[in-house]
Amino acid sequence: MGLKDNLSNLAEQAKGKAQEAMGKATGDQGQQAEGEATQSSANFKQAGENLKDGDLKGAANDAKDALD
């Protein structure tokens, strides 16, 4: 997996966590849901990168995290 892709996925996940936290803090369910969706997207992308690298266990874990 490329370092650039990995960092991009981590940044997207952090953005989603921040959005979710802001939504929870302000009671904005839409922003909270958008943050959760952003995190799921990042986790699915990371799972795809892990599959490319042949890391099936990592891919499975990331996919599971995306669905949680």
N, C-alpha and C. Protein backbone atom coordinates (compact mmCIF):
# COMPACT_ATOMS: atom_id res chain seq x y z
N MET A 1 0.86 -1.16 0.00
CA MET A 1 0.00 0.00 0.00
C MET A 1 0.90 1.22 0.00
N GLY A 2 0.48 2.20 -0.75
CA GLY A 2 1.26 3.41 -0.80
C GLY A 2 1.08 4.26 0.44
N LEU A 3 2.15 4.88 0.86
CA LEU A 3 2.10 5.74 2.04
C LEU A 3 1.10 6.88 1.83
N LYS A 4 1.06 7.41 0.61
CA LYS A 4 0.13 8.50 0.30
C LYS A 4 -1.32 8.06 0.52
N ASP A 5 -1.67 6.88 0.03
CA ASP A 5 -3.03 6.35 0.21
C ASP A 5 -3.35 6.12 1.67
N ASN A 6 -2.38 5.56 2.39
CA ASN A 6 -2.58 5.28 3.81
C ASN A 6 -2.83 6.58 4.58
N LEU A 7 -2.02 7.59 4.32
CA LEU A 7 -2.18 8.87 5.01
C LEU A 7 -3.50 9.54 4.63
N SER A 8 -3.88 9.41 3.38
CA SER A 8 -5.15 9.98 2.92
C SER A 8 -6.32 9.32 3.63
N ASN A 9 -6.28 8.02 3.76
CA ASN A 9 -7.35 7.29 4.46
C ASN A 9 -7.40 7.66 5.94
N LEU A 10 -6.24 7.80 6.55
CA LEU A 10 -6.20 8.19 7.97
C LEU A 10 -6.74 9.60 8.16
N ALA A 11 -6.40 10.50 7.25
CA ALA A 11 -6.90 11.88 7.33
C ALA A 11 -8.42 11.91 7.16
N GLU A 12 -8.93 11.12 6.22
CA GLU A 12 -10.37 11.06 6.01
C GLU A 12 -11.08 10.50 7.24
N GLN A 13 -10.48 9.50 7.85
CA GLN A 13 -11.06 8.92 9.06
C GLN A 13 -11.07 9.94 10.19
N ALA A 14 -9.98 10.69 10.35
CA ALA A 14 -9.91 11.72 11.40
C ALA A 14 -10.95 12.81 11.15
N LYS A 15 -11.12 13.19 9.90
CA LYS A 15 -12.13 14.19 9.55
C LYS A 15 -13.52 13.70 9.95
N GLY A 16 -13.80 12.44 9.67
CA GLY A 16 -15.09 11.86 10.02
C GLY A 16 -15.31 11.82 11.53
N LYS A 17 -14.26 11.49 12.27
CA LYS A 17 -14.38 11.46 13.72
C LYS A 17 -14.67 12.86 14.27
N ALA A 18 -14.00 13.86 13.70
CA ALA A 18 -14.22 15.24 14.13
C ALA A 18 -15.65 15.67 13.81
N GLN A 19 -16.13 15.34 12.62
CA GLN A 19 -17.50 15.68 12.23
C GLN A 19 -18.51 15.01 13.17
N GLU A 20 -18.28 13.75 13.46
CA GLU A 20 -19.18 13.01 14.33
C GLU A 20 -19.20 13.64 15.73
N ALA A 21 -18.02 13.96 16.25
CA ALA A 21 -17.93 14.56 17.58
C ALA A 21 -18.63 15.92 17.62
N MET A 22 -18.44 16.72 16.58
CA MET A 22 -19.08 18.03 16.52
C MET A 22 -20.60 17.87 16.45
N GLY A 23 -21.05 16.91 15.69
CA GLY A 23 -22.48 16.64 15.60
C GLY A 23 -23.07 16.22 16.93
N LYS A 24 -22.34 15.38 17.65
CA LYS A 24 -22.80 14.95 18.97
C LYS A 24 -22.84 16.13 19.93
N ALA A 25 -21.80 16.97 19.88
CA ALA A 25 -21.70 18.10 20.81
C ALA A 25 -22.79 19.14 20.57
N THR A 26 -23.17 19.31 19.31
CA THR A 26 -24.17 20.34 18.99
C THR A 26 -25.57 19.77 18.83
N GLY A 27 -25.70 18.46 18.89
CA GLY A 27 -27.01 17.84 18.71
C GLY A 27 -27.45 17.80 17.26
N ASP A 28 -26.50 17.98 16.34
CA ASP A 28 -26.80 17.96 14.91
C ASP A 28 -26.66 16.54 14.40
N GLN A 29 -27.78 15.83 14.30
CA GLN A 29 -27.74 14.44 13.90
C GLN A 29 -27.27 14.27 12.46
N GLY A 30 -27.55 15.24 11.61
CA GLY A 30 -27.10 15.16 10.22
C GLY A 30 -25.59 15.19 10.12
N GLN A 31 -24.97 16.10 10.87
CA GLN A 31 -23.51 16.19 10.85
C GLN A 31 -22.89 14.94 11.48
N GLN A 32 -23.51 14.44 12.52
CA GLN A 32 -23.03 13.22 13.17
C GLN A 32 -23.08 12.05 12.19
N ALA A 33 -24.18 11.92 11.47
CA ALA A 33 -24.32 10.84 10.49
C ALA A 33 -23.33 11.00 9.34
N GLU A 34 -23.10 12.24 8.92
CA GLU A 34 -22.14 12.48 7.85
C GLU A 34 -20.73 12.08 8.30
N GLY A 35 -20.40 12.37 9.54
CA GLY A 35 -19.10 11.97 10.08
C GLY A 35 -18.94 10.47 10.13
N GLU A 36 -20.00 9.79 10.52
CA GLU A 36 -19.95 8.32 10.55
C GLU A 36 -19.79 7.76 9.15
N ALA A 37 -20.46 8.36 8.19
CA ALA A 37 -20.36 7.90 6.79
C ALA A 37 -18.95 8.14 6.25
N THR A 38 -18.37 9.27 6.61
CA THR A 38 -17.01 9.57 6.16
C THR A 38 -16.02 8.55 6.73
N GLN A 39 -16.21 8.18 7.99
CA GLN A 39 -15.34 7.18 8.60
C GLN A 39 -15.51 5.82 7.91
N SER A 40 -16.74 5.45 7.60
CA SER A 40 -16.99 4.18 6.92
C SER A 40 -16.33 4.15 5.56
N SER A 41 -16.43 5.26 4.85
CA SER A 41 -15.81 5.36 3.53
C SER A 41 -14.30 5.16 3.63
N ALA A 42 -13.69 5.82 4.60
CA ALA A 42 -12.24 5.69 4.79
C ALA A 42 -11.86 4.25 5.14
N ASN A 43 -12.66 3.60 5.97
CA ASN A 43 -12.37 2.22 6.34
C ASN A 43 -12.49 1.28 5.16
N PHE A 44 -13.49 1.49 4.30
CA PHE A 44 -13.62 0.65 3.11
C PHE A 44 -12.45 0.87 2.15
N LYS A 45 -12.03 2.11 2.01
CA LYS A 45 -10.86 2.39 1.16
C LYS A 45 -9.62 1.69 1.71
N GLN A 46 -9.46 1.75 3.03
CA GLN A 46 -8.31 1.10 3.66
C GLN A 46 -8.39 -0.41 3.47
N ALA A 47 -9.59 -0.97 3.56
CA ALA A 47 -9.76 -2.41 3.33
C ALA A 47 -9.33 -2.76 1.91
N GLY A 48 -9.69 -1.94 0.94
CA GLY A 48 -9.28 -2.17 -0.44
C GLY A 48 -7.78 -2.13 -0.60
N GLU A 49 -7.14 -1.18 0.07
CA GLU A 49 -5.67 -1.10 0.01
C GLU A 49 -5.04 -2.34 0.62
N ASN A 50 -5.62 -2.82 1.73
CA ASN A 50 -5.09 -4.03 2.35
C ASN A 50 -5.26 -5.24 1.45
N LEU A 51 -6.37 -5.31 0.73
CA LEU A 51 -6.56 -6.42 -0.22
C LEU A 51 -5.52 -6.38 -1.32
N LYS A 52 -5.23 -5.18 -1.82
CA LYS A 52 -4.20 -5.04 -2.86
C LYS A 52 -2.86 -5.57 -2.37
N ASP A 53 -2.61 -5.36 -1.07
CA ASP A 53 -1.34 -5.79 -0.49
C ASP A 53 -1.35 -7.25 -0.05
N GLY A 54 -2.49 -7.92 -0.18
CA GLY A 54 -2.59 -9.31 0.23
C GLY A 54 -2.80 -9.48 1.72
N ASP A 55 -3.15 -8.43 2.42
CA ASP A 55 -3.39 -8.48 3.86
C ASP A 55 -4.88 -8.72 4.11
N LEU A 56 -5.27 -10.00 4.04
CA LEU A 56 -6.68 -10.34 4.17
C LEU A 56 -7.22 -10.06 5.58
N LYS A 57 -6.41 -10.30 6.58
CA LYS A 57 -6.85 -10.05 7.96
C LYS A 57 -7.08 -8.55 8.17
N GLY A 58 -6.17 -7.72 7.70
CA GLY A 58 -6.32 -6.27 7.82
C GLY A 58 -7.53 -5.79 7.04
N ALA A 59 -7.75 -6.35 5.86
CA ALA A 59 -8.89 -5.97 5.04
C ALA A 59 -10.20 -6.32 5.74
N ALA A 60 -10.24 -7.51 6.33
CA ALA A 60 -11.44 -7.94 7.05
C ALA A 60 -11.72 -7.04 8.24
N ASN A 61 -10.66 -6.69 8.97
CA ASN A 61 -10.83 -5.81 10.13
C ASN A 61 -11.34 -4.42 9.72
N ASP A 62 -10.77 -3.87 8.65
CA ASP A 62 -11.20 -2.56 8.19
C ASP A 62 -12.63 -2.59 7.68
N ALA A 63 -13.01 -3.65 6.98
CA ALA A 63 -14.38 -3.77 6.50
C ALA A 63 -15.35 -3.89 7.67
N LYS A 64 -14.95 -4.65 8.69
CA LYS A 64 -15.79 -4.79 9.88
C LYS A 64 -15.95 -3.43 10.56
N ASP A 65 -14.86 -2.68 10.69
CA ASP A 65 -14.93 -1.35 11.30
C ASP A 65 -15.85 -0.42 10.51
N ALA A 66 -15.84 -0.56 9.21
CA ALA A 66 -16.67 0.29 8.36
C ALA A 66 -18.14 0.01 8.57
N LEU A 67 -18.47 -1.22 8.92
CA LEU A 67 -19.86 -1.60 9.12
C LEU A 67 -20.36 -1.36 10.53
N ASP A 68 -19.45 -1.12 11.46
CA ASP A 68 -19.83 -0.88 12.86
C ASP A 68 -20.42 0.50 13.06
